[in-house]
Amino acid sequence: MWALPKDGVGKRRDLKIEELWPHKGYLVLKFEGVDSISDAETLIGCELQVPAQERSKLEPGWTYVSDLVGCALFDGDREIGNVADVQFGAGEAPLLIVRSGSSEYEIPYAEAYLKGTDLEHKKIWMALPEGMLELNAPLTADEKEQQRNNKKLPS
């Protein structure tokens, strides 16, 4: 297992679980060589990573985030782009960061939109609400000019 700093800056740290126990509905992990609160604080915000060959098999309908990255995302039959990243914390559903050329879209990986996945062939099919892609689409040259004009103060 590894700990990767949240900001991606710094070295990935090797970790080995020494002990674990349940506490208030969570699982507490004790890592070898992490013997104090101040040692443990260095891991705050880190992403814990498990080698793919050591991951647990998931129940149907569950997916590892790392399996989504690199998938082609489709809205019905229309290919939108490829999943470049997955972000958490913006709401209940993680956001798929989908890139297509110079465009980037944030699409909630929500069960309400999900129609199917084929992780072996790296494909995700969704039925997105009308207008969702336009919400965060790149601005056109005319829209950028209009924003600049709106920011100018009257004389």
N, C-alpha and C. Protein backbone atom coordinates (compact mmCIF):
# COMPACT_ATOMS: atom_id res chain seq x y z
N MET A 1 0.85 -1.16 0.00
CA MET A 1 0.00 0.00 0.00
C MET A 1 0.90 1.23 0.00
N TRP A 2 0.37 2.30 -0.62
CA TRP A 2 1.12 3.55 -0.69
C TRP A 2 0.24 4.70 -0.23
N ALA A 3 0.90 5.75 0.24
CA ALA A 3 0.23 7.02 0.53
C ALA A 3 0.76 8.04 -0.45
N LEU A 4 -0.15 8.65 -1.23
CA LEU A 4 0.22 9.67 -2.21
C LEU A 4 -0.27 11.01 -1.69
N PRO A 5 0.61 12.00 -1.55
CA PRO A 5 0.17 13.32 -1.06
C PRO A 5 -0.98 13.85 -1.89
N LYS A 6 -1.94 14.49 -1.22
CA LYS A 6 -3.16 14.98 -1.87
C LYS A 6 -2.87 15.90 -3.04
N ASP A 7 -1.87 16.76 -2.89
CA ASP A 7 -1.56 17.72 -3.95
C ASP A 7 -0.70 17.10 -5.05
N GLY A 8 -0.34 15.81 -4.89
CA GLY A 8 0.47 15.13 -5.89
C GLY A 8 1.93 15.53 -5.85
N VAL A 9 2.27 16.46 -4.96
CA VAL A 9 3.64 16.91 -4.83
C VAL A 9 4.29 16.09 -3.72
N GLY A 10 5.48 15.66 -3.94
CA GLY A 10 6.15 14.83 -2.95
C GLY A 10 6.18 13.39 -3.38
N LYS A 11 6.88 12.60 -2.60
CA LYS A 11 7.06 11.20 -2.96
C LYS A 11 5.95 10.33 -2.40
N ARG A 12 5.65 9.30 -3.15
CA ARG A 12 4.71 8.29 -2.70
C ARG A 12 5.40 7.51 -1.58
N ARG A 13 4.68 7.30 -0.50
CA ARG A 13 5.26 6.65 0.67
C ARG A 13 4.75 5.22 0.79
N ASP A 14 5.66 4.26 0.94
CA ASP A 14 5.27 2.86 1.15
C ASP A 14 4.73 2.69 2.56
N LEU A 15 3.62 1.98 2.69
CA LEU A 15 3.03 1.71 3.99
C LEU A 15 2.69 0.23 4.11
N LYS A 16 2.78 -0.27 5.33
CA LYS A 16 2.37 -1.64 5.60
C LYS A 16 1.48 -1.61 6.84
N ILE A 17 0.30 -2.22 6.73
CA ILE A 17 -0.62 -2.25 7.87
C ILE A 17 -0.07 -3.20 8.92
N GLU A 18 0.09 -2.66 10.12
CA GLU A 18 0.59 -3.44 11.25
C GLU A 18 -0.57 -4.01 12.05
N GLU A 19 -1.64 -3.21 12.15
CA GLU A 19 -2.79 -3.59 12.96
C GLU A 19 -4.01 -2.81 12.49
N LEU A 20 -5.21 -3.34 12.74
CA LEU A 20 -6.43 -2.60 12.45
C LEU A 20 -7.51 -3.00 13.43
N TRP A 21 -8.43 -2.04 13.68
CA TRP A 21 -9.53 -2.32 14.61
C TRP A 21 -10.69 -1.38 14.30
N PRO A 22 -11.92 -1.82 14.63
CA PRO A 22 -13.10 -0.96 14.41
C PRO A 22 -13.20 0.10 15.51
N HIS A 23 -13.69 1.28 15.13
CA HIS A 23 -13.89 2.37 16.09
C HIS A 23 -14.99 3.29 15.58
N LYS A 24 -16.11 3.35 16.29
CA LYS A 24 -17.23 4.24 15.97
C LYS A 24 -17.67 4.11 14.51
N GLY A 25 -17.79 2.90 14.03
CA GLY A 25 -18.27 2.67 12.67
C GLY A 25 -17.21 2.81 11.59
N TYR A 26 -15.98 3.07 11.97
CA TYR A 26 -14.88 3.19 11.02
C TYR A 26 -13.85 2.11 11.31
N LEU A 27 -12.87 2.02 10.46
CA LEU A 27 -11.77 1.10 10.66
C LEU A 27 -10.50 1.94 10.87
N VAL A 28 -9.81 1.71 11.98
CA VAL A 28 -8.57 2.42 12.28
C VAL A 28 -7.42 1.55 11.82
N LEU A 29 -6.50 2.14 11.04
CA LEU A 29 -5.32 1.43 10.56
C LEU A 29 -4.09 1.93 11.29
N LYS A 30 -3.26 1.00 11.76
CA LYS A 30 -1.97 1.32 12.37
C LYS A 30 -0.92 0.84 11.39
N PHE A 31 -0.11 1.78 10.89
CA PHE A 31 0.93 1.45 9.92
C PHE A 31 2.27 1.26 10.63
N GLU A 32 3.08 0.35 10.10
CA GLU A 32 4.43 0.16 10.62
C GLU A 32 5.21 1.46 10.50
N GLY A 33 5.93 1.82 11.57
CA GLY A 33 6.77 3.02 11.54
C GLY A 33 6.02 4.31 11.79
N VAL A 34 4.71 4.25 11.92
CA VAL A 34 3.90 5.42 12.25
C VAL A 34 3.46 5.21 13.69
N ASP A 35 4.26 5.77 14.62
CA ASP A 35 4.10 5.41 16.03
C ASP A 35 3.62 6.54 16.92
N SER A 36 3.28 7.68 16.34
CA SER A 36 2.79 8.79 17.16
C SER A 36 1.75 9.58 16.37
N ILE A 37 1.03 10.43 17.08
CA ILE A 37 0.05 11.29 16.42
C ILE A 37 0.75 12.18 15.39
N SER A 38 1.91 12.72 15.75
CA SER A 38 2.60 13.61 14.80
C SER A 38 3.07 12.85 13.57
N ASP A 39 3.46 11.57 13.74
CA ASP A 39 3.80 10.75 12.57
C ASP A 39 2.56 10.56 11.69
N ALA A 40 1.42 10.29 12.33
CA ALA A 40 0.18 10.04 11.60
C ALA A 40 -0.30 11.30 10.89
N GLU A 41 -0.08 12.47 11.49
CA GLU A 41 -0.53 13.72 10.88
C GLU A 41 0.12 13.97 9.53
N THR A 42 1.28 13.38 9.28
CA THR A 42 1.94 13.55 7.97
C THR A 42 1.15 12.86 6.86
N LEU A 43 0.22 11.98 7.24
CA LEU A 43 -0.59 11.26 6.25
C LEU A 43 -1.94 11.92 5.99
N ILE A 44 -2.26 12.99 6.73
CA ILE A 44 -3.55 13.65 6.54
C ILE A 44 -3.67 14.13 5.11
N GLY A 45 -4.79 13.81 4.48
CA GLY A 45 -5.06 14.23 3.11
C GLY A 45 -4.44 13.35 2.04
N CYS A 46 -3.63 12.38 2.45
CA CYS A 46 -3.02 11.48 1.46
C CYS A 46 -4.06 10.52 0.89
N GLU A 47 -3.86 10.14 -0.34
CA GLU A 47 -4.68 9.11 -0.97
C GLU A 47 -3.98 7.78 -0.74
N LEU A 48 -4.71 6.83 -0.15
CA LEU A 48 -4.15 5.50 0.04
C LEU A 48 -4.39 4.69 -1.22
N GLN A 49 -3.34 4.05 -1.71
CA GLN A 49 -3.42 3.28 -2.94
C GLN A 49 -3.03 1.84 -2.66
N VAL A 50 -3.79 0.94 -3.25
CA VAL A 50 -3.53 -0.50 -3.12
C VAL A 50 -3.22 -1.04 -4.51
N PRO A 51 -2.15 -1.83 -4.66
CA PRO A 51 -1.85 -2.40 -5.98
C PRO A 51 -3.06 -3.16 -6.53
N ALA A 52 -3.29 -3.02 -7.82
CA ALA A 52 -4.47 -3.63 -8.46
C ALA A 52 -4.59 -5.12 -8.15
N GLN A 53 -3.48 -5.84 -8.14
CA GLN A 53 -3.53 -7.28 -7.91
C GLN A 53 -3.92 -7.63 -6.46
N GLU A 54 -3.88 -6.64 -5.55
CA GLU A 54 -4.23 -6.88 -4.15
C GLU A 54 -5.61 -6.35 -3.78
N ARG A 55 -6.31 -5.75 -4.74
CA ARG A 55 -7.63 -5.19 -4.45
C ARG A 55 -8.65 -6.30 -4.23
N SER A 56 -9.63 -6.01 -3.40
CA SER A 56 -10.74 -6.94 -3.18
C SER A 56 -11.66 -6.93 -4.39
N LYS A 57 -12.26 -8.07 -4.65
CA LYS A 57 -13.25 -8.14 -5.73
C LYS A 57 -14.50 -7.42 -5.25
N LEU A 58 -15.04 -6.56 -6.08
CA LEU A 58 -16.22 -5.78 -5.72
C LEU A 58 -17.50 -6.48 -6.11
N GLU A 59 -18.57 -6.15 -5.41
CA GLU A 59 -19.89 -6.66 -5.76
C GLU A 59 -20.35 -5.99 -7.06
N PRO A 60 -21.25 -6.65 -7.79
CA PRO A 60 -21.77 -6.04 -9.02
C PRO A 60 -22.33 -4.65 -8.74
N GLY A 61 -22.05 -3.72 -9.65
CA GLY A 61 -22.53 -2.35 -9.50
C GLY A 61 -21.53 -1.42 -8.83
N TRP A 62 -20.46 -1.98 -8.27
CA TRP A 62 -19.43 -1.17 -7.63
C TRP A 62 -18.21 -1.10 -8.54
N THR A 63 -17.49 0.03 -8.48
CA THR A 63 -16.35 0.25 -9.36
C THR A 63 -15.23 0.95 -8.60
N TYR A 64 -14.01 0.55 -8.87
CA TYR A 64 -12.86 1.28 -8.34
C TYR A 64 -12.65 2.52 -9.19
N VAL A 65 -12.37 3.65 -8.54
CA VAL A 65 -12.16 4.91 -9.23
C VAL A 65 -11.06 4.78 -10.28
N SER A 66 -9.99 4.08 -9.93
CA SER A 66 -8.87 3.95 -10.87
C SER A 66 -9.29 3.24 -12.15
N ASP A 67 -10.34 2.44 -12.10
CA ASP A 67 -10.82 1.76 -13.31
C ASP A 67 -11.58 2.70 -14.25
N LEU A 68 -12.05 3.83 -13.72
CA LEU A 68 -12.81 4.78 -14.54
C LEU A 68 -11.88 5.67 -15.39
N VAL A 69 -10.71 5.98 -14.84
CA VAL A 69 -9.78 6.85 -15.55
C VAL A 69 -9.32 6.16 -16.84
N GLY A 70 -9.41 6.89 -17.95
CA GLY A 70 -9.04 6.34 -19.25
C GLY A 70 -10.22 5.82 -20.05
N CYS A 71 -11.39 5.73 -19.40
CA CYS A 71 -12.57 5.24 -20.12
C CYS A 71 -13.12 6.31 -21.07
N ALA A 72 -13.63 5.86 -22.21
CA ALA A 72 -14.37 6.75 -23.10
C ALA A 72 -15.76 6.90 -22.52
N LEU A 73 -16.27 8.13 -22.45
CA LEU A 73 -17.60 8.39 -21.91
C LEU A 73 -18.54 8.74 -23.04
N PHE A 74 -19.69 8.09 -23.04
CA PHE A 74 -20.70 8.30 -24.07
C PHE A 74 -21.97 8.85 -23.43
N ASP A 75 -22.61 9.79 -24.12
CA ASP A 75 -23.95 10.25 -23.78
C ASP A 75 -24.85 9.64 -24.83
N GLY A 76 -25.50 8.55 -24.49
CA GLY A 76 -26.21 7.77 -25.50
C GLY A 76 -25.19 7.18 -26.45
N ASP A 77 -25.31 7.48 -27.75
CA ASP A 77 -24.36 6.98 -28.74
C ASP A 77 -23.24 7.97 -29.04
N ARG A 78 -23.32 9.18 -28.48
CA ARG A 78 -22.35 10.25 -28.78
C ARG A 78 -21.18 10.18 -27.81
N GLU A 79 -19.96 10.03 -28.36
CA GLU A 79 -18.77 10.02 -27.51
C GLU A 79 -18.43 11.44 -27.09
N ILE A 80 -18.32 11.65 -25.77
CA ILE A 80 -18.03 12.97 -25.23
C ILE A 80 -16.53 13.20 -25.11
N GLY A 81 -15.79 12.18 -24.61
CA GLY A 81 -14.36 12.30 -24.41
C GLY A 81 -13.89 11.19 -23.49
N ASN A 82 -12.69 11.36 -22.93
CA ASN A 82 -12.11 10.34 -22.04
C ASN A 82 -12.01 10.86 -20.62
N VAL A 83 -12.25 9.98 -19.66
CA VAL A 83 -12.16 10.34 -18.25
C VAL A 83 -10.67 10.51 -17.92
N ALA A 84 -10.31 11.74 -17.51
CA ALA A 84 -8.91 12.05 -17.18
C ALA A 84 -8.67 11.97 -15.68
N ASP A 85 -9.74 12.18 -14.89
CA ASP A 85 -9.59 12.19 -13.44
C ASP A 85 -10.96 12.02 -12.81
N VAL A 86 -10.97 11.76 -11.53
CA VAL A 86 -12.21 11.69 -10.75
C VAL A 86 -11.98 12.53 -9.51
N GLN A 87 -12.91 13.46 -9.24
CA GLN A 87 -12.78 14.33 -8.07
C GLN A 87 -13.92 14.07 -7.10
N PHE A 88 -13.60 14.19 -5.82
CA PHE A 88 -14.59 13.98 -4.77
C PHE A 88 -14.79 15.28 -4.00
N GLY A 89 -15.91 15.37 -3.31
CA GLY A 89 -16.14 16.49 -2.40
C GLY A 89 -17.06 17.56 -2.92
N ALA A 90 -17.44 17.54 -4.17
CA ALA A 90 -18.31 18.58 -4.72
C ALA A 90 -19.79 18.25 -4.50
N GLY A 91 -20.09 17.07 -4.07
CA GLY A 91 -21.47 16.64 -3.86
C GLY A 91 -21.46 15.17 -3.53
N GLU A 92 -22.64 14.57 -3.57
CA GLU A 92 -22.72 13.14 -3.25
C GLU A 92 -22.03 12.27 -4.28
N ALA A 93 -22.16 12.63 -5.54
CA ALA A 93 -21.56 11.83 -6.61
C ALA A 93 -20.19 12.37 -6.96
N PRO A 94 -19.22 11.48 -7.16
CA PRO A 94 -17.91 11.96 -7.64
C PRO A 94 -18.05 12.58 -9.02
N LEU A 95 -17.16 13.51 -9.34
CA LEU A 95 -17.17 14.15 -10.65
C LEU A 95 -16.15 13.50 -11.56
N LEU A 96 -16.61 13.08 -12.74
CA LEU A 96 -15.71 12.60 -13.77
C LEU A 96 -15.20 13.82 -14.52
N ILE A 97 -13.89 13.96 -14.59
CA ILE A 97 -13.29 15.04 -15.37
C ILE A 97 -13.02 14.45 -16.75
N VAL A 98 -13.81 14.88 -17.71
CA VAL A 98 -13.78 14.31 -19.06
C VAL A 98 -13.17 15.33 -20.02
N ARG A 99 -12.16 14.89 -20.75
CA ARG A 99 -11.48 15.77 -21.70
C ARG A 99 -11.73 15.29 -23.12
N SER A 100 -11.94 16.28 -23.99
CA SER A 100 -12.10 16.03 -25.41
C SER A 100 -11.43 17.19 -26.14
N GLY A 101 -10.26 16.92 -26.70
CA GLY A 101 -9.50 18.01 -27.33
C GLY A 101 -9.17 19.05 -26.30
N SER A 102 -9.55 20.32 -26.55
CA SER A 102 -9.28 21.40 -25.60
C SER A 102 -10.45 21.60 -24.62
N SER A 103 -11.51 20.83 -24.77
CA SER A 103 -12.67 20.96 -23.89
C SER A 103 -12.53 20.03 -22.68
N GLU A 104 -13.07 20.50 -21.55
CA GLU A 104 -13.09 19.70 -20.34
C GLU A 104 -14.47 19.82 -19.71
N TYR A 105 -15.03 18.70 -19.30
CA TYR A 105 -16.35 18.66 -18.70
C TYR A 105 -16.28 18.00 -17.33
N GLU A 106 -17.12 18.47 -16.40
CA GLU A 106 -17.27 17.84 -15.10
C GLU A 106 -18.64 17.18 -15.09
N ILE A 107 -18.63 15.85 -15.02
CA ILE A 107 -19.88 15.10 -15.13
C ILE A 107 -20.06 14.25 -13.88
N PRO A 108 -21.16 14.44 -13.16
CA PRO A 108 -21.39 13.62 -11.96
C PRO A 108 -21.52 12.14 -12.33
N TYR A 109 -20.78 11.31 -11.61
CA TYR A 109 -20.88 9.85 -11.80
C TYR A 109 -22.02 9.38 -10.89
N ALA A 110 -23.23 9.73 -11.30
CA ALA A 110 -24.43 9.48 -10.51
C ALA A 110 -25.22 8.33 -11.12
N GLU A 111 -25.75 7.50 -10.26
CA GLU A 111 -26.53 6.34 -10.70
C GLU A 111 -27.70 6.75 -11.59
N ALA A 112 -28.25 7.94 -11.34
CA ALA A 112 -29.39 8.42 -12.13
C ALA A 112 -29.03 8.60 -13.60
N TYR A 113 -27.74 8.89 -13.90
CA TYR A 113 -27.31 9.11 -15.28
C TYR A 113 -26.63 7.90 -15.90
N LEU A 114 -26.14 7.02 -15.05
CA LEU A 114 -25.35 5.88 -15.52
C LEU A 114 -26.24 4.82 -16.18
N LYS A 115 -25.88 4.45 -17.40
CA LYS A 115 -26.63 3.41 -18.12
C LYS A 115 -25.85 2.11 -18.23
N GLY A 116 -24.52 2.19 -18.16
CA GLY A 116 -23.73 0.96 -18.22
C GLY A 116 -22.25 1.25 -18.29
N THR A 117 -21.47 0.24 -17.91
CA THR A 117 -20.02 0.34 -18.02
C THR A 117 -19.48 -0.96 -18.61
N ASP A 118 -18.40 -0.83 -19.33
CA ASP A 118 -17.64 -1.97 -19.83
C ASP A 118 -16.19 -1.64 -19.54
N LEU A 119 -15.78 -1.96 -18.30
CA LEU A 119 -14.44 -1.56 -17.87
C LEU A 119 -13.35 -2.32 -18.61
N GLU A 120 -13.65 -3.52 -19.06
CA GLU A 120 -12.67 -4.29 -19.83
C GLU A 120 -12.32 -3.56 -21.12
N HIS A 121 -13.32 -2.92 -21.74
CA HIS A 121 -13.11 -2.19 -22.98
C HIS A 121 -13.05 -0.68 -22.74
N LYS A 122 -13.01 -0.27 -21.46
CA LYS A 122 -12.85 1.12 -21.05
C LYS A 122 -13.92 2.03 -21.65
N LYS A 123 -15.21 1.69 -21.38
CA LYS A 123 -16.33 2.49 -21.88
C LYS A 123 -17.36 2.69 -20.78
N ILE A 124 -17.92 3.90 -20.75
CA ILE A 124 -18.99 4.26 -19.82
C ILE A 124 -20.11 4.89 -20.65
N TRP A 125 -21.34 4.43 -20.43
CA TRP A 125 -22.51 4.99 -21.12
C TRP A 125 -23.39 5.68 -20.10
N MET A 126 -23.78 6.91 -20.44
CA MET A 126 -24.65 7.69 -19.57
C MET A 126 -25.77 8.30 -20.40
N ALA A 127 -26.82 8.71 -19.71
CA ALA A 127 -27.90 9.49 -20.31
C ALA A 127 -27.92 10.81 -19.54
N LEU A 128 -27.24 11.82 -20.07
CA LEU A 128 -27.08 13.09 -19.36
C LEU A 128 -28.27 14.00 -19.60
N PRO A 129 -28.63 14.79 -18.60
CA PRO A 129 -29.74 15.73 -18.79
C PRO A 129 -29.39 16.75 -19.87
N GLU A 130 -30.39 17.16 -20.60
CA GLU A 130 -30.19 18.14 -21.66
C GLU A 130 -29.56 19.40 -21.09
N GLY A 131 -28.52 19.88 -21.74
CA GLY A 131 -27.86 21.11 -21.34
C GLY A 131 -26.72 20.94 -20.33
N MET A 132 -26.53 19.74 -19.79
CA MET A 132 -25.48 19.55 -18.78
C MET A 132 -24.10 19.88 -19.34
N LEU A 133 -23.80 19.42 -20.53
CA LEU A 133 -22.47 19.65 -21.10
C LEU A 133 -22.24 21.14 -21.39
N GLU A 134 -23.29 21.85 -21.71
CA GLU A 134 -23.15 23.26 -22.02
C GLU A 134 -22.88 24.09 -20.77
N LEU A 135 -23.24 23.58 -19.59
CA LEU A 135 -23.04 24.34 -18.35
C LEU A 135 -21.58 24.69 -18.11
N ASN A 136 -20.68 23.77 -18.42
CA ASN A 136 -19.27 24.06 -18.18
C ASN A 136 -18.43 23.94 -19.45
N ALA A 137 -19.07 24.13 -20.58
CA ALA A 137 -18.35 24.10 -21.85
C ALA A 137 -17.46 25.35 -21.94
N PRO A 138 -16.35 25.25 -22.66
CA PRO A 138 -15.49 26.43 -22.84
C PRO A 138 -16.25 27.57 -23.51
N LEU A 139 -15.93 28.80 -23.13
CA LEU A 139 -16.58 29.96 -23.72
C LEU A 139 -16.12 30.15 -25.16
N THR A 140 -17.05 30.61 -25.98
CA THR A 140 -16.69 30.97 -27.35
C THR A 140 -15.97 32.32 -27.32
N ALA A 141 -15.36 32.69 -28.43
CA ALA A 141 -14.68 33.99 -28.52
C ALA A 141 -15.66 35.13 -28.25
N ASP A 142 -16.89 35.03 -28.79
CA ASP A 142 -17.90 36.07 -28.56
C ASP A 142 -18.29 36.16 -27.09
N GLU A 143 -18.42 35.02 -26.41
CA GLU A 143 -18.77 35.02 -24.99
C GLU A 143 -17.65 35.63 -24.15
N LYS A 144 -16.40 35.33 -24.49
CA LYS A 144 -15.27 35.93 -23.77
C LYS A 144 -15.27 37.45 -23.94
N GLU A 145 -15.51 37.91 -25.17
CA GLU A 145 -15.56 39.35 -25.44
C GLU A 145 -16.69 40.00 -24.65
N GLN A 146 -17.84 39.36 -24.61
CA GLN A 146 -18.99 39.89 -23.87
C GLN A 146 -18.65 40.00 -22.38
N GLN A 147 -17.95 39.00 -21.82
CA GLN A 147 -17.55 39.06 -20.42
C GLN A 147 -16.60 40.23 -20.17
N ARG A 148 -15.63 40.41 -21.08
CA ARG A 148 -14.70 41.53 -20.93
C ARG A 148 -15.44 42.86 -20.94
N ASN A 149 -16.40 42.99 -21.85
CA ASN A 149 -17.18 44.24 -21.96
C ASN A 149 -18.03 44.46 -20.71
N ASN A 150 -18.55 43.41 -20.14
CA ASN A 150 -19.39 43.53 -18.95
C ASN A 150 -18.58 43.93 -17.72
N LYS A 151 -17.29 43.63 -17.71
CA LYS A 151 -16.42 43.94 -16.57
C LYS A 151 -15.94 45.38 -16.59
N LYS A 152 -15.99 46.02 -17.77
CA LYS A 152 -15.53 47.40 -17.87
C LYS A 152 -16.51 48.32 -17.13
N LEU A 153 -15.94 49.22 -16.39
CA LEU A 153 -16.78 50.18 -15.65
C LEU A 153 -17.18 51.32 -16.58
N PRO A 154 -18.41 51.82 -16.43
CA PRO A 154 -18.81 52.96 -17.27
C PRO A 154 -18.01 54.21 -16.88
N SER A 155 -17.77 55.09 -17.88
CA SER A 155 -16.98 56.31 -17.60
C SER A 155 -17.86 57.37 -17.01
